[in-house]
Protein backbone atom coordinates (compact mmCIF):
# COMPACT_ATOMS: atom_id res chain seq x y z
CA UNK A 1 -27.46 -8.01 9.84
CA UNK A 2 -29.55 -9.62 7.16
CA UNK A 3 -30.52 -12.94 8.73
CA UNK A 4 -32.29 -14.11 5.61
CA UNK A 5 -29.12 -13.79 3.55
CA UNK A 6 -27.22 -16.02 6.00
CA UNK A 7 -29.59 -18.91 5.49
CA UNK A 8 -29.38 -21.25 2.51
CA UNK A 9 -31.98 -20.50 -0.08
CA UNK A 10 -34.77 -23.01 -0.76
CA UNK A 11 -33.09 -23.76 -4.09
CA UNK A 12 -29.84 -24.58 -2.36
CA UNK A 13 -31.70 -26.77 0.16
CA UNK A 14 -33.35 -28.69 -2.64
CA UNK A 15 -29.99 -29.26 -4.36
CA UNK A 16 -28.40 -30.41 -1.10
CA UNK A 17 -31.30 -32.80 -0.52
CA UNK A 18 -30.97 -34.28 -3.99
CA UNK A 19 -27.21 -34.71 -3.52
CA UNK A 20 -27.78 -36.42 -0.16
CA UNK A 21 -30.47 -38.69 -1.65
CA UNK A 22 -28.19 -39.59 -4.55
CA UNK A 23 -25.33 -40.37 -2.16
CA UNK A 24 -27.55 -42.61 -0.04
CA UNK A 25 -28.86 -44.36 -3.17
CA UNK A 26 -25.36 -44.97 -4.50
CA UNK A 27 -24.16 -46.19 -1.10
CA UNK A 28 -27.13 -48.55 -0.80
CA UNK A 29 -26.52 -49.86 -4.31
CA UNK A 30 -22.87 -50.40 -3.53
CA UNK A 31 -23.74 -52.39 -0.42
CA UNK A 32 -26.47 -54.34 -2.25
CA UNK A 33 -24.19 -55.72 -4.91
CA UNK A 34 -24.34 -59.26 -6.16
CA UNK A 35 -26.05 -60.65 -3.05
CA UNK A 36 -29.22 -58.56 -3.30
CA UNK A 37 -29.94 -58.25 -7.02
CA UNK A 38 -31.01 -61.81 -7.81
CA UNK A 39 -34.19 -63.87 -7.64
CA UNK A 40 -33.99 -66.25 -4.67
CA UNK A 41 -36.73 -68.54 -6.03
CA UNK A 42 -34.91 -69.09 -9.31
CA UNK A 43 -31.62 -69.29 -7.39
CA UNK A 44 -32.88 -72.34 -5.49
CA UNK A 45 -33.42 -74.28 -8.73
CA UNK A 46 -30.03 -73.24 -10.14
CA UNK A 47 -28.28 -74.04 -6.83
CA UNK A 48 -29.84 -77.50 -6.64
CA UNK A 49 -28.85 -78.25 -10.22
CA UNK A 50 -25.25 -77.01 -10.01
CA UNK A 51 -24.06 -76.59 -6.43
CA UNK A 52 -26.05 -78.73 -3.98
CA UNK A 53 -24.07 -81.90 -4.65
CA UNK A 54 -21.06 -80.38 -2.83
CA UNK A 55 -22.28 -77.30 -0.92
CA UNK A 56 -25.02 -76.56 1.58
CA UNK A 57 -26.51 -73.10 2.07
CA UNK A 58 -25.75 -73.39 5.79
CA UNK A 59 -22.36 -73.88 7.43
CA UNK A 60 -22.69 -77.66 7.18
CA UNK A 61 -19.85 -79.33 5.27
CA UNK A 62 -21.10 -81.74 2.58
CA UNK A 63 -18.35 -82.39 0.05
CA UNK A 64 -17.09 -78.82 0.35
CA UNK A 65 -17.50 -75.97 2.86
CA UNK A 66 -21.00 -74.66 3.51
CA UNK A 67 -21.91 -71.30 2.00
CA UNK A 68 -23.89 -69.87 4.90
CA UNK A 69 -22.94 -66.24 5.60
CA UNK A 70 -20.97 -65.82 2.38
CA UNK A 71 -22.49 -62.38 1.84
CA UNK A 72 -20.82 -61.16 5.06
CA UNK A 73 -17.46 -62.87 4.72
CA UNK A 74 -16.73 -62.53 0.99
CA UNK A 75 -13.68 -60.28 0.87
CA UNK A 76 -13.11 -59.75 -2.85
CA UNK A 77 -15.03 -57.91 -5.55
CA UNK A 78 -18.31 -59.05 -7.07
CA UNK A 79 -16.52 -59.54 -10.38
CA UNK A 80 -14.06 -61.94 -8.77
CA UNK A 81 -16.91 -63.86 -7.13
CA UNK A 82 -18.45 -64.43 -10.55
CA UNK A 83 -15.09 -65.44 -11.97
CA UNK A 84 -14.36 -67.71 -8.98
CA UNK A 85 -17.52 -69.67 -9.76
CA UNK A 86 -17.14 -69.70 -13.53
CA UNK A 87 -13.37 -70.24 -13.62
CA UNK A 88 -11.74 -70.81 -10.20
CA UNK A 89 -8.18 -71.19 -11.45
CA UNK A 90 -8.56 -68.09 -13.59
CA UNK A 91 -9.72 -66.15 -10.53
CA UNK A 92 -6.71 -67.43 -8.58
CA UNK A 93 -4.41 -66.02 -11.26
CA UNK A 94 -5.72 -62.52 -10.47
CA UNK A 95 -3.47 -62.40 -7.41
CA UNK A 96 -6.23 -61.16 -5.14
CA UNK A 97 -5.17 -61.88 -1.52
CA UNK A 98 -8.63 -63.10 -0.46
CA UNK A 99 -8.78 -65.57 -3.38
CA UNK A 100 -5.21 -66.67 -2.59
CA UNK A 101 -6.27 -67.42 1.00
CA UNK A 102 -9.23 -69.51 -0.27
CA UNK A 103 -6.89 -71.54 -2.46
CA UNK A 104 -4.43 -72.09 0.38
CA UNK A 105 -7.16 -73.04 2.88
CA UNK A 106 -9.43 -75.28 0.84
CA UNK A 107 -7.88 -76.54 -2.40
CA UNK A 108 -5.44 -78.84 -0.62
CA UNK A 109 -8.32 -80.45 1.28
CA UNK A 110 -11.19 -80.48 -1.22
CA UNK A 111 -9.42 -79.96 -4.53
CA UNK A 112 -10.25 -77.33 -7.13
CA UNK A 113 -13.92 -76.58 -7.60
CA UNK A 114 -15.11 -77.45 -11.10
CA UNK A 115 -15.88 -74.48 -13.32
CA UNK A 116 -19.66 -74.01 -13.33
CA UNK A 117 -21.56 -73.28 -16.54
CA UNK A 118 -23.76 -70.57 -15.02
CA UNK A 119 -24.29 -66.99 -16.14
CA UNK A 120 -23.70 -63.88 -14.05
CA UNK A 121 -27.48 -63.45 -13.68
CA UNK A 122 -27.79 -67.03 -12.40
CA UNK A 123 -24.96 -66.42 -9.92
CA UNK A 124 -26.84 -63.40 -8.57
CA UNK A 125 -29.91 -65.62 -8.16
CA UNK A 126 -27.83 -68.24 -6.33
CA UNK A 127 -26.39 -65.64 -3.96
CA UNK A 128 -29.86 -64.23 -3.24
CA UNK A 129 -31.05 -67.76 -2.41
CA UNK A 130 -28.07 -68.42 -0.12
CA UNK A 131 -28.52 -65.12 1.67
CA UNK A 132 -32.27 -65.79 2.15
CA UNK A 133 -31.39 -69.07 3.84
CA UNK A 134 -33.24 -72.41 3.83
CA UNK A 135 -37.01 -72.42 3.76
CA UNK A 136 -38.72 -73.49 6.97
CA UNK A 137 -40.29 -76.84 6.09
CA UNK A 138 -41.54 -77.97 2.69
CA UNK A 139 -43.20 -75.49 0.36
CA UNK A 140 -46.57 -77.24 0.53
CA UNK A 141 -46.62 -77.21 4.32
CA UNK A 142 -46.62 -81.00 4.56
CA UNK A 143 -44.30 -83.32 6.40
CA UNK A 144 -40.92 -84.16 4.96
CA UNK A 145 -40.95 -87.80 3.86
CA UNK A 146 -38.33 -89.87 5.60
CA UNK A 147 -35.62 -91.38 3.44
CA UNK A 148 -35.77 -95.19 3.18
CA UNK A 149 -33.45 -97.05 5.52
CA UNK A 150 -30.86 -99.56 4.38
CA UNK A 151 -32.96 -102.44 5.74
CA UNK A 152 -36.02 -101.23 3.84
CA UNK A 153 -34.06 -101.09 0.61
CA UNK A 154 -32.61 -104.53 1.19
CA UNK A 155 -36.11 -105.90 1.82
CA UNK A 156 -36.94 -105.00 -1.77
CA UNK A 157 -34.39 -107.57 -2.91
CA UNK A 158 -36.69 -110.43 -1.88
CA UNK A 159 -37.52 -111.61 -5.40
CA UNK A 160 -38.67 -115.14 -4.57
CA UNK A 161 -40.90 -116.30 -7.38
CA UNK A 162 -44.19 -118.06 -6.68
CA UNK A 163 -43.60 -120.12 -9.82
CA UNK A 164 -40.37 -121.55 -8.34
CA UNK A 165 -42.17 -122.58 -5.15
CA UNK A 166 -44.96 -124.11 -7.21
CA UNK A 167 -42.41 -126.14 -9.18
CA UNK A 168 -40.73 -127.33 -5.98
CA UNK A 169 -44.06 -128.43 -4.51
CA UNK A 170 -44.96 -130.21 -7.75
CA UNK A 171 -41.71 -132.18 -7.71
CA UNK A 172 -42.30 -133.14 -4.07
CA UNK A 173 -45.83 -134.26 -4.92
CA UNK A 174 -44.58 -136.46 -7.78
CA UNK A 175 -41.94 -138.05 -5.52
CA UNK A 176 -44.56 -138.76 -2.84
CA UNK A 177 -46.95 -140.21 -5.42
CA UNK A 178 -44.28 -142.53 -6.86
CA UNK A 179 -43.20 -143.63 -3.38
CA UNK A 180 -46.77 -144.36 -2.32
CA UNK A 181 -47.33 -146.38 -5.50
CA UNK A 182 -44.26 -148.50 -4.78
CA UNK A 183 -45.38 -149.05 -1.19
CA UNK A 184 -48.86 -150.04 -2.30
CA UNK A 185 -47.44 -152.50 -4.85
CA UNK A 186 -45.16 -154.07 -2.20
CA UNK A 187 -48.11 -154.49 0.21
CA UNK A 188 -50.23 -156.16 -2.51
CA UNK A 189 -47.42 -158.54 -3.46
CA UNK A 190 -46.89 -159.50 0.18
CA UNK A 191 -50.62 -160.22 0.52
CA UNK A 192 -50.65 -162.30 -2.68
CA UNK A 193 -47.58 -164.20 -1.54
CA UNK A 194 -49.32 -165.09 1.78
CA UNK A 195 -52.19 -166.54 -0.22
CA UNK A 196 -49.88 -168.51 -2.47
CA UNK A 197 -50.48 -166.33 -5.54
CA UNK A 198 -47.98 -165.04 -8.08
CA UNK A 199 -46.77 -161.49 -7.55
CA UNK A 200 -48.12 -158.77 -9.81
CA UNK A 201 -46.24 -158.43 -13.12
CA UNK A 202 -43.63 -155.66 -13.27
CA UNK A 203 -44.83 -152.70 -15.36
CA UNK A 204 -43.18 -149.34 -16.06
CA UNK A 205 -44.45 -146.14 -14.51
CA UNK A 206 -45.67 -145.02 -17.92
CA UNK A 207 -47.75 -148.16 -18.39
CA UNK A 208 -49.16 -147.80 -14.88
CA UNK A 209 -50.13 -144.16 -15.51
CA UNK A 210 -51.83 -145.02 -18.83
CA UNK A 211 -53.79 -147.82 -17.19
CA UNK A 212 -54.92 -145.51 -14.41
CA UNK A 213 -55.86 -142.78 -16.91
CA UNK A 214 -58.07 -145.14 -18.97
CA UNK A 215 -59.69 -146.35 -15.82
CA UNK A 216 -60.48 -142.73 -14.78
CA UNK A 217 -61.01 -141.23 -18.25
CA UNK A 218 -63.68 -138.67 -17.22
CA UNK A 219 -61.63 -137.24 -14.36
CA UNK A 220 -58.47 -137.12 -16.51
CA UNK A 221 -60.36 -135.33 -19.32
CA UNK A 222 -61.65 -132.61 -16.99
CA UNK A 223 -58.18 -132.09 -15.48
CA UNK A 224 -56.67 -132.02 -18.98
CA UNK A 225 -59.16 -129.34 -20.06
CA UNK A 226 -58.26 -127.12 -17.10
CA UNK A 227 -54.51 -127.64 -17.65
CA UNK A 228 -54.85 -126.78 -21.36
CA UNK A 229 -56.79 -123.58 -20.56
CA UNK A 230 -54.19 -122.61 -17.95
CA UNK A 231 -51.28 -123.20 -20.34
CA UNK A 232 -52.95 -121.16 -23.12
CA UNK A 233 -53.68 -118.29 -20.70
CA UNK A 234 -50.14 -118.23 -19.34
CA UNK A 235 -48.67 -118.41 -22.85
CA UNK A 236 -50.82 -115.44 -23.94
CA UNK A 237 -49.80 -113.38 -20.92
CA UNK A 238 -46.14 -114.18 -21.46
CA UNK A 239 -46.43 -113.23 -25.14
CA UNK A 240 -48.00 -109.89 -24.16
CA UNK A 241 -45.10 -109.27 -21.78
CA UNK A 242 -42.45 -109.63 -24.48
CA UNK A 243 -40.38 -106.44 -24.35
CA UNK A 244 -41.92 -105.33 -21.04
CA UNK A 245 -39.29 -104.98 -18.32
CA UNK A 246 -41.04 -103.32 -15.39
CA UNK A 247 -39.11 -103.46 -12.09
CA UNK A 248 -35.94 -104.37 -14.01
CA UNK A 249 -32.97 -103.49 -11.78
CA UNK A 250 -29.64 -104.92 -12.93
CA UNK A 251 -26.64 -105.28 -10.67
CA UNK A 252 -24.05 -102.52 -11.11
CA UNK A 253 -20.25 -102.61 -10.79
CA UNK A 254 -20.48 -100.08 -7.94
CA UNK A 255 -23.14 -100.07 -5.24
CA UNK A 256 -24.73 -96.75 -6.11
CA UNK A 257 -27.89 -95.84 -4.18
CA UNK A 258 -30.14 -93.12 -5.58
CA UNK A 259 -31.75 -92.84 -2.15
CA UNK A 260 -28.46 -91.72 -0.60
CA UNK A 261 -27.75 -89.10 -3.25
CA UNK A 262 -31.27 -87.85 -4.06
CA UNK A 263 -33.09 -88.23 -0.73
CA UNK A 264 -30.42 -87.95 1.95
CA UNK A 265 -28.05 -85.51 0.21
CA UNK A 266 -30.67 -83.78 -2.01
CA UNK A 267 -28.61 -83.93 -5.20
CA UNK A 268 -30.69 -82.67 -8.12
CA UNK A 269 -31.29 -85.23 -10.89
CA UNK A 270 -29.82 -82.96 -13.55
CA UNK A 271 -26.57 -82.49 -11.66
CA UNK A 272 -25.59 -86.02 -12.69
CA UNK A 273 -27.85 -86.35 -15.75
CA UNK A 274 -27.03 -82.89 -17.04
CA UNK A 275 -27.94 -83.58 -20.69
CA UNK A 276 -31.58 -84.49 -19.91
CA UNK A 277 -32.71 -80.93 -20.65
CA UNK A 278 -30.35 -80.41 -23.58
CA UNK A 279 -30.31 -83.56 -25.70
CA UNK A 280 -32.03 -86.79 -26.67
CA UNK A 281 -30.39 -88.83 -23.91
CA UNK A 282 -30.25 -88.09 -20.18
CA UNK A 283 -26.73 -89.55 -20.13
CA UNK A 284 -24.79 -91.57 -17.61
CA UNK A 285 -22.53 -89.31 -15.51
CA UNK A 286 -18.82 -89.61 -16.17
CA UNK A 287 -16.38 -90.51 -13.41
CA UNK A 288 -15.30 -86.85 -13.34
CA UNK A 289 -18.82 -85.91 -12.21
CA UNK A 290 -18.57 -88.46 -9.39
CA UNK A 291 -15.23 -86.96 -8.37
CA UNK A 292 -16.74 -83.48 -8.03
CA UNK A 293 -18.06 -84.74 -4.70
CA UNK A 294 -15.98 -87.80 -3.91
CA UNK A 295 -12.69 -85.98 -4.06
CA UNK A 296 -13.82 -84.66 -0.69
CA UNK A 297 -16.23 -87.41 0.43
CA UNK A 298 -13.90 -90.39 0.82
CA UNK A 299 -16.03 -92.56 3.07
CA UNK A 300 -19.60 -93.63 2.41
CA UNK A 301 -22.41 -94.04 4.93
CA UNK A 302 -23.10 -97.68 3.96
CA UNK A 303 -19.88 -99.38 2.82
CA UNK A 304 -17.20 -97.02 4.05
CA UNK A 305 -14.30 -96.76 1.62
CA UNK A 306 -14.91 -99.98 -0.36
CA UNK A 307 -17.25 -98.71 -3.09
CA UNK A 308 -15.73 -95.23 -3.36
CA UNK A 309 -12.33 -96.85 -3.91
CA UNK A 310 -13.75 -98.37 -7.08
CA UNK A 311 -14.30 -94.84 -8.40
CA UNK A 312 -10.73 -93.93 -7.47
CA UNK A 313 -9.41 -97.07 -9.20
CA UNK A 314 -11.25 -96.16 -12.39
CA UNK A 315 -10.02 -92.57 -12.61
CA UNK A 316 -6.67 -92.91 -10.86
CA UNK A 317 -6.97 -91.00 -7.60
CA UNK A 318 -4.82 -91.46 -4.49
CA UNK A 319 -7.03 -91.07 -1.43
CA UNK A 320 -4.03 -90.59 0.87
CA UNK A 321 -2.44 -87.67 -0.95
CA UNK A 322 -5.73 -86.36 -2.35
CA UNK A 323 -4.14 -86.04 -5.80
CA UNK A 324 -4.67 -87.65 -9.17
CA UNK A 325 -2.03 -90.19 -10.18
CA UNK A 326 0.11 -89.00 -13.06
CA UNK A 327 0.13 -91.02 -16.31
CA UNK A 328 -2.57 -93.31 -14.92
CA UNK A 329 -4.42 -95.42 -17.49
CA UNK A 330 -8.01 -94.63 -16.64
CA UNK A 331 -10.75 -97.22 -17.07
CA UNK A 332 -14.44 -96.42 -17.65
CA UNK A 333 -16.95 -97.70 -15.13
CA UNK A 334 -19.04 -100.26 -17.02
CA UNK A 335 -22.51 -99.33 -15.82
CA UNK A 336 -25.28 -101.69 -16.94
CA UNK A 337 -27.94 -99.98 -19.05
CA UNK A 338 -31.41 -99.98 -17.52
CA UNK A 339 -33.75 -98.14 -19.90
CA UNK A 340 -33.44 -99.30 -23.49
CA UNK A 341 -35.92 -98.50 -26.27
CA UNK A 342 -36.06 -100.37 -29.62
CA UNK A 343 -33.95 -98.93 -32.41
CA UNK A 344 -37.01 -97.87 -34.42
CA UNK A 345 -38.36 -95.69 -31.58
CA UNK A 346 -37.44 -92.01 -31.27
CA UNK A 347 -37.51 -90.38 -27.86
CA UNK A 348 -35.97 -87.09 -26.77
CA UNK A 349 -35.49 -86.11 -23.14
CA UNK A 350 -35.11 -82.49 -24.17
CA UNK A 351 -38.58 -82.38 -25.74
CA UNK A 352 -40.20 -83.81 -22.63
CA UNK A 353 -38.13 -81.99 -19.98
CA UNK A 354 -37.65 -78.58 -21.58
CA UNK A 355 -40.67 -78.25 -23.87
CA UNK A 356 -43.14 -80.46 -22.04
CA UNK A 357 -41.94 -79.43 -18.55
CA UNK A 358 -42.40 -82.99 -17.30
CA UNK A 359 -40.98 -83.97 -13.94
CA UNK A 360 -38.51 -86.88 -13.85
CA UNK A 361 -40.92 -88.86 -11.64
CA UNK A 362 -43.48 -89.01 -14.47
CA UNK A 363 -41.48 -91.72 -16.17
CA UNK A 364 -38.96 -92.84 -13.55
CA UNK A 365 -41.09 -92.91 -10.40
CA UNK A 366 -39.93 -91.91 -6.93
CA UNK A 367 -36.20 -92.27 -7.64
CA UNK A 368 -35.41 -90.95 -4.16
CA UNK A 369 -36.47 -94.35 -2.78
CA UNK A 370 -34.48 -96.46 -5.28
CA UNK A 371 -31.17 -98.22 -4.98
CA UNK A 372 -29.60 -98.29 -8.43
CA UNK A 373 -31.20 -97.63 -11.80
CA UNK A 374 -34.61 -99.26 -12.08
CA UNK A 375 -37.63 -99.30 -14.39
CA UNK A 376 -40.49 -98.16 -12.20
CA UNK A 377 -43.71 -100.19 -12.60
CA UNK A 378 -46.67 -98.08 -13.66
CA UNK A 379 -48.48 -98.93 -10.41
CA UNK A 380 -45.66 -97.33 -8.40
CA UNK A 381 -45.78 -94.14 -10.44
CA UNK A 382 -49.56 -93.98 -10.02
CA UNK A 383 -49.18 -94.44 -6.26
CA UNK A 384 -46.60 -91.62 -6.21
CA UNK A 385 -49.04 -89.40 -8.12
CA UNK A 386 -51.77 -90.10 -5.54
CA UNK A 387 -49.39 -89.34 -2.67
CA UNK A 388 -48.18 -86.09 -4.30
CA UNK A 389 -51.22 -84.47 -5.93
CA UNK A 390 -49.43 -81.18 -6.48
CA UNK A 391 -46.43 -82.68 -8.28
CA UNK A 392 -48.13 -82.74 -11.68
CA UNK A 393 -47.60 -86.48 -12.23
CA UNK A 394 -49.81 -88.02 -14.93
CA UNK A 395 -51.48 -91.24 -13.78
CA UNK A 396 -51.16 -94.01 -16.36
CA UNK A 397 -52.27 -97.64 -16.52
CA UNK A 398 -50.27 -99.29 -19.31
CA UNK A 399 -46.92 -101.01 -18.58
CA UNK A 400 -43.95 -98.64 -18.40
CA UNK A 401 -41.98 -98.04 -21.62
CA UNK A 402 -44.58 -99.69 -23.84
CA UNK A 403 -46.29 -98.05 -26.81
CA UNK A 404 -49.62 -98.07 -24.98
CA UNK A 405 -47.96 -96.19 -22.10
CA UNK A 406 -46.71 -93.44 -24.42
CA UNK A 407 -50.03 -93.12 -26.26
CA UNK A 408 -51.98 -92.98 -23.01
CA UNK A 409 -49.69 -90.24 -21.72
CA UNK A 410 -50.04 -88.19 -24.92
CA UNK A 411 -53.81 -88.52 -24.60
CA UNK A 412 -53.82 -87.27 -20.99
CA UNK A 413 -50.99 -84.71 -20.90
CA UNK A 414 -52.42 -81.19 -21.02
CA UNK A 415 -50.66 -78.48 -23.01
CA UNK A 416 -50.93 -74.83 -22.02
CA UNK A 417 -50.84 -72.90 -25.30
CA UNK A 418 -52.46 -69.74 -23.93
CA UNK A 419 -50.26 -68.44 -21.12
CA UNK A 420 -47.20 -70.60 -21.70
CA UNK A 421 -43.85 -68.80 -21.87
CA UNK A 422 -42.60 -71.57 -24.17
CA UNK A 423 -41.95 -70.24 -27.66
CA UNK A 424 -42.99 -73.50 -29.30
CA UNK A 425 -46.48 -73.45 -27.79
CA UNK A 426 -46.84 -69.71 -28.33
CA UNK A 427 -46.29 -70.28 -32.04
CA UNK A 428 -48.90 -73.08 -32.05
CA UNK A 429 -51.36 -70.80 -30.26
CA UNK A 430 -50.76 -67.93 -32.67
CA UNK A 431 -51.43 -70.20 -35.66
CA UNK A 432 -54.58 -71.61 -34.08
CA UNK A 433 -56.00 -68.13 -33.42
CA UNK A 434 -56.04 -67.28 -37.13
CA UNK A 435 -58.46 -68.40 -39.83
CA UNK A 436 -59.66 -71.99 -39.80
CA UNK A 437 -57.23 -72.75 -37.01
CA UNK A 438 -59.57 -71.03 -34.55
CA UNK A 439 -62.33 -73.52 -35.35
CA UNK A 440 -59.85 -76.33 -34.87
CA UNK A 441 -58.85 -74.94 -31.46
CA UNK A 442 -62.51 -74.78 -30.43
CA UNK A 443 -62.86 -78.43 -31.43
CA UNK A 444 -59.83 -79.28 -29.32
CA UNK A 445 -61.29 -77.39 -26.38
CA UNK A 446 -64.58 -79.33 -26.34
CA UNK A 447 -63.21 -81.31 -23.38
CA UNK A 448 -61.76 -78.05 -21.93
CA UNK A 449 -58.17 -79.05 -22.58
CA UNK A 450 -55.62 -79.34 -25.36
CA UNK A 451 -53.55 -82.51 -25.18
CA UNK A 452 -50.38 -83.68 -26.86
CA UNK A 453 -52.61 -85.92 -28.99
CA UNK A 454 -54.48 -82.86 -30.29
CA UNK A 455 -51.18 -81.35 -31.43
CA UNK A 456 -50.15 -84.45 -33.38
CA UNK A 457 -48.81 -86.60 -30.55
CA UNK A 458 -50.48 -89.69 -32.00
CA UNK A 459 -48.92 -89.39 -35.46
CA UNK A 460 -46.79 -92.46 -36.19
CA UNK A 461 -43.86 -90.47 -37.56
CA UNK A 462 -43.56 -88.51 -34.31
CA UNK A 463 -42.03 -91.51 -32.55
CA UNK A 464 -41.12 -94.02 -35.27
CA UNK A 465 -38.41 -93.68 -37.88
């Protein structure tokens, strides 16, 4: 018996090994699927911008069920998962039994999920982030800052003006002075009457003041000089503050607290102000955006149902049935505008957020500690920059939303034209590398940085029509 002929040849072994390796590779790829192909780091940013307002990446219920463990329990195809996120009702029309069970279990309680404007690649990133789970502690290794309490926020409402107290004290002083003058006059008249003399003639307060002033002309002149200097100084300061509205925080028709949404519930700024990266204006969120969460969250942590009912009254939502009221005449919520630039000033959020990569806190301060919309004083933003050195906040000194503030920022903001992945700056860098532009770039780099000012950020026509 030829034993050698009964064994597989080395060629056959190699083929079998390749087939086995290919089968394992295909099986692994099949199991990997949509939950293992994405970038978890990018998925965190996309999740915070689009999903975090309603979902957590654990099993905690926020305004909708938590997504923890979705990679193990998802029972439909990857294609249907993408479609479920991009077009939930369209996915339901597929007739898939798992999707039908989701609709039956959750839609009656939380309502339909809004279709999300995310690509398939972004969905893969989101799923990779969810599967990776929450990071342990903050990325910088520091302590998580506590959210401000209700009492702390209310303490900020103490806007008693020193000028008002000064005015009250001045009025009291005048009353006391007049009363003491009358008492003194009565005592003198009583003394004169006891000596058989005529009482003092009646004079007006004005005549009495003039007589006293002439009698004490030197003292009155010195006081008058100081008062005049004080009035001129105050008038100058008030004139310089025309158009400056730092710490402006108007009352709103609904008690909306940024601290609750941004700090406590970690809603990303661009979830509500979605046009900040796409257009000139950041935009005020529509009532539909509010309802993405408050269709499920029907009771607030501060005022219970009272303030949320104002949202329902505006859009026409029945909290009992959990359904929108048919043929309801909706009313817009009349939010009071906070930030308002003059008509001759051009400003684009898209340029600063998308091209400049500026953080919201650069201009708006630590919004996570605010109540409603508010113009953050420049001192607060500087303090936030000191407390968060790695946040990339530019420290400024001029009053917020003034021309000096913008110019100072353009003079300090560094622009990376060398390794930037931004096409705009790459084009600038390519032009500067050639010909006389190279000499210009060397001149810019004398202080070892290229600023917005160097690239024309101080030209009048950049900001003024």
